Amino acid sequence: MTALTRVLATGTFDLLHPGHLYFLEQAKILGGELYVIISRDVNVNHKPTPIIPEKQRLEMVAALKPVDFALLGSLTDYFEPIAEIRPDIIALGFDQKFQEKELEEALNKRGFFPEVIRLPPFGGDFHSSRAIAAEIVERKKKHPPTD
């Protein structure tokens, strides 16, 4: 019996939207099992602090059809859950900050040798939580509540 290919995807997954689902569906296509690491609130430093608390983001992502296993990232060591999962493939979203070669080198130094694959961009609207938030603000300006 052959082992299933383990694919790993990571992200903040704040304000789930069609781009998130597309990313996870594309990642799932790469292998048999999809593991998703959800960023801890305190570790999100490349964008505003998430609106949705980490445990709720974890529950939302875990409920998505393509996801086999979802877990919160480590509070102290980004590579700790990778050591536990031992993925064959790490799928990166088109807009994730990681550079493939730099990530591969950092993983290799720690004794991990997964293939790192950058996935293509989502072709539809609403592929960014920030873009969705901006659209809500714009719509509120055009059509303020009338209570």
Protein backbone atom coordinates (compact mmCIF):
# COMPACT_ATOMS: atom_id res chain seq x y z
CA MET A 1 0.00 0.00 0.00
CA THR A 2 1.44 3.39 -0.97
CA ALA A 3 1.22 6.41 1.28
CA LEU A 4 -0.84 9.37 0.16
CA THR A 5 0.99 12.47 -0.97
CA ARG A 6 0.81 15.05 1.81
CA VAL A 7 0.24 18.61 0.70
CA LEU A 8 0.60 21.53 3.08
CA ALA A 9 -0.99 24.94 2.70
CA THR A 10 -0.70 27.80 5.16
CA GLY A 11 -2.41 31.11 5.67
CA THR A 12 -4.27 33.49 7.90
CA PHE A 13 -7.68 32.77 6.35
CA ASP A 14 -9.34 35.83 7.85
CA LEU A 15 -12.74 36.60 6.30
CA LEU A 16 -12.98 33.45 4.20
CA HIS A 17 -13.67 34.21 0.55
CA PRO A 18 -13.71 32.51 -2.88
CA GLY A 19 -9.95 33.03 -3.31
CA HIS A 20 -9.28 30.99 -0.16
CA LEU A 21 -11.47 28.16 -1.41
CA TYR A 22 -9.77 28.23 -4.82
CA PHE A 23 -6.32 28.10 -3.15
CA LEU A 24 -7.28 25.09 -1.04
CA GLU A 25 -8.97 23.28 -3.94
CA GLN A 26 -5.86 23.77 -6.11
CA ALA A 27 -3.62 22.58 -3.27
CA LYS A 28 -5.77 19.48 -2.75
CA ILE A 29 -5.39 18.56 -6.44
CA LEU A 30 -1.62 18.23 -5.87
CA GLY A 31 -1.94 15.22 -3.55
CA GLY A 32 -4.05 12.88 -1.49
CA GLU A 33 -4.10 14.61 1.90
CA LEU A 34 -4.36 18.34 2.46
CA TYR A 35 -3.03 19.75 5.72
CA VAL A 36 -3.65 23.42 6.44
CA ILE A 37 -1.79 25.46 9.04
CA ILE A 38 -3.71 28.52 10.22
CA SER A 39 -1.54 31.43 11.36
CA ARG A 40 -1.73 32.29 15.04
CA ASP A 41 -3.10 35.75 15.83
CA VAL A 42 0.16 36.85 17.48
CA ASN A 43 2.26 35.72 14.51
CA VAL A 44 0.41 37.70 11.84
CA ASN A 45 2.78 40.60 11.30
CA HIS A 46 2.71 41.12 7.53
CA LYS A 47 -0.82 42.55 7.53
CA PRO A 48 -3.40 43.84 10.04
CA THR A 49 -4.32 41.62 12.96
CA PRO A 50 -7.06 39.18 11.92
CA ILE A 51 -10.64 40.15 12.67
CA ILE A 52 -11.74 36.55 13.24
CA PRO A 53 -10.02 34.88 16.24
CA GLU A 54 -7.62 32.02 15.41
CA LYS A 55 -9.76 29.23 16.88
CA GLN A 56 -12.75 30.32 14.82
CA ARG A 57 -10.59 30.61 11.68
CA LEU A 58 -9.38 27.07 12.39
CA GLU A 59 -12.97 25.80 12.67
CA MET A 60 -13.98 27.50 9.41
CA VAL A 61 -11.02 26.13 7.43
CA ALA A 62 -11.40 22.64 8.92
CA ALA A 63 -15.03 22.59 7.69
CA LEU A 64 -14.06 23.19 4.06
CA LYS A 65 -14.42 20.17 1.78
CA PRO A 66 -10.85 20.08 0.37
CA VAL A 67 -9.25 20.15 3.85
CA ASP A 68 -8.33 16.85 5.47
CA PHE A 69 -6.50 18.23 8.51
CA ALA A 70 -6.34 21.77 9.88
CA LEU A 71 -4.24 22.97 12.79
CA LEU A 72 -2.99 26.17 14.35
CA GLY A 73 0.60 27.12 13.73
CA SER A 74 3.22 27.15 16.45
CA LEU A 75 3.49 30.16 18.72
CA THR A 76 7.30 30.01 18.66
CA ASP A 77 8.66 28.05 15.70
CA TYR A 78 7.20 28.33 12.21
CA PHE A 79 8.79 24.99 11.23
CA GLU A 80 7.48 22.97 14.20
CA PRO A 81 4.20 21.83 12.57
CA ILE A 82 6.05 21.12 9.33
CA ALA A 83 8.23 18.67 11.26
CA GLU A 84 5.09 16.96 12.55
CA ILE A 85 3.30 16.84 9.19
CA ARG A 86 6.31 16.01 6.98
CA PRO A 87 4.64 17.23 3.76
CA ASP A 88 5.70 16.04 0.32
CA ILE A 89 4.51 19.32 -1.21
CA ILE A 90 4.06 22.82 0.14
CA ALA A 91 1.53 24.81 -1.87
CA LEU A 92 1.95 28.59 -1.88
CA GLY A 93 -0.80 30.98 -2.86
CA PHE A 94 -0.02 33.40 -5.69
CA ASP A 95 0.17 36.33 -3.25
CA GLN A 96 1.88 34.72 -0.28
CA LYS A 97 5.04 36.49 0.85
CA PHE A 98 7.32 33.44 0.69
CA GLN A 99 9.90 33.12 -2.07
CA GLU A 100 10.03 29.50 -3.25
CA LYS A 101 13.84 29.11 -3.32
CA GLU A 102 14.36 30.81 0.06
CA LEU A 103 11.68 28.64 1.65
CA GLU A 104 13.16 25.47 0.12
CA GLU A 105 16.62 26.40 1.43
CA ALA A 106 15.27 27.08 4.94
CA LEU A 107 13.41 23.76 4.91
CA ASN A 108 16.44 21.86 3.59
CA LYS A 109 18.63 23.25 6.40
CA ARG A 110 16.17 21.71 8.85
CA GLY A 111 16.17 18.35 7.08
CA PHE A 112 12.89 18.75 5.17
CA PHE A 113 12.79 18.34 1.40
CA PRO A 114 9.24 18.99 0.17
CA GLU A 115 8.57 20.34 -3.29
CA VAL A 116 7.42 23.97 -3.07
CA ILE A 117 4.81 24.90 -5.67
CA ARG A 118 3.41 28.39 -6.31
CA LEU A 119 -0.24 28.12 -7.35
CA PRO A 120 -1.79 30.35 -10.03
CA PRO A 121 -3.96 33.33 -9.10
CA PHE A 122 -7.70 33.14 -8.63
CA GLY A 123 -9.47 34.57 -11.65
CA GLY A 124 -12.60 35.80 -9.91
CA ASP A 125 -13.54 38.73 -7.75
CA PHE A 126 -12.94 38.83 -4.02
CA HIS A 127 -9.59 37.11 -3.80
CA SER A 128 -8.38 39.27 -0.92
CA SER A 129 -9.82 39.95 2.55
CA ARG A 130 -8.48 43.49 2.34
CA ALA A 131 -10.21 44.05 -1.02
CA ILE A 132 -13.48 42.78 0.44
CA ALA A 133 -13.15 45.09 3.46
CA ALA A 134 -12.40 48.04 1.15
CA GLU A 135 -15.46 47.21 -0.96
CA ILE A 136 -17.66 47.14 2.15
CA VAL A 137 -16.38 50.57 3.18
CA GLU A 138 -17.00 51.99 -0.31
CA ARG A 139 -20.53 50.59 -0.43
CA LYS A 140 -21.28 52.00 3.03
CA LYS A 141 -20.15 55.43 1.82
CA LYS A 142 -22.44 55.24 -1.23
CA HIS A 143 -25.40 53.79 0.66
CA PRO A 144 -25.22 54.69 4.37
CA PRO A 145 -27.66 52.90 6.69
CA THR A 146 -30.95 54.71 7.16
CA ASP A 147 -32.15 53.55 10.56
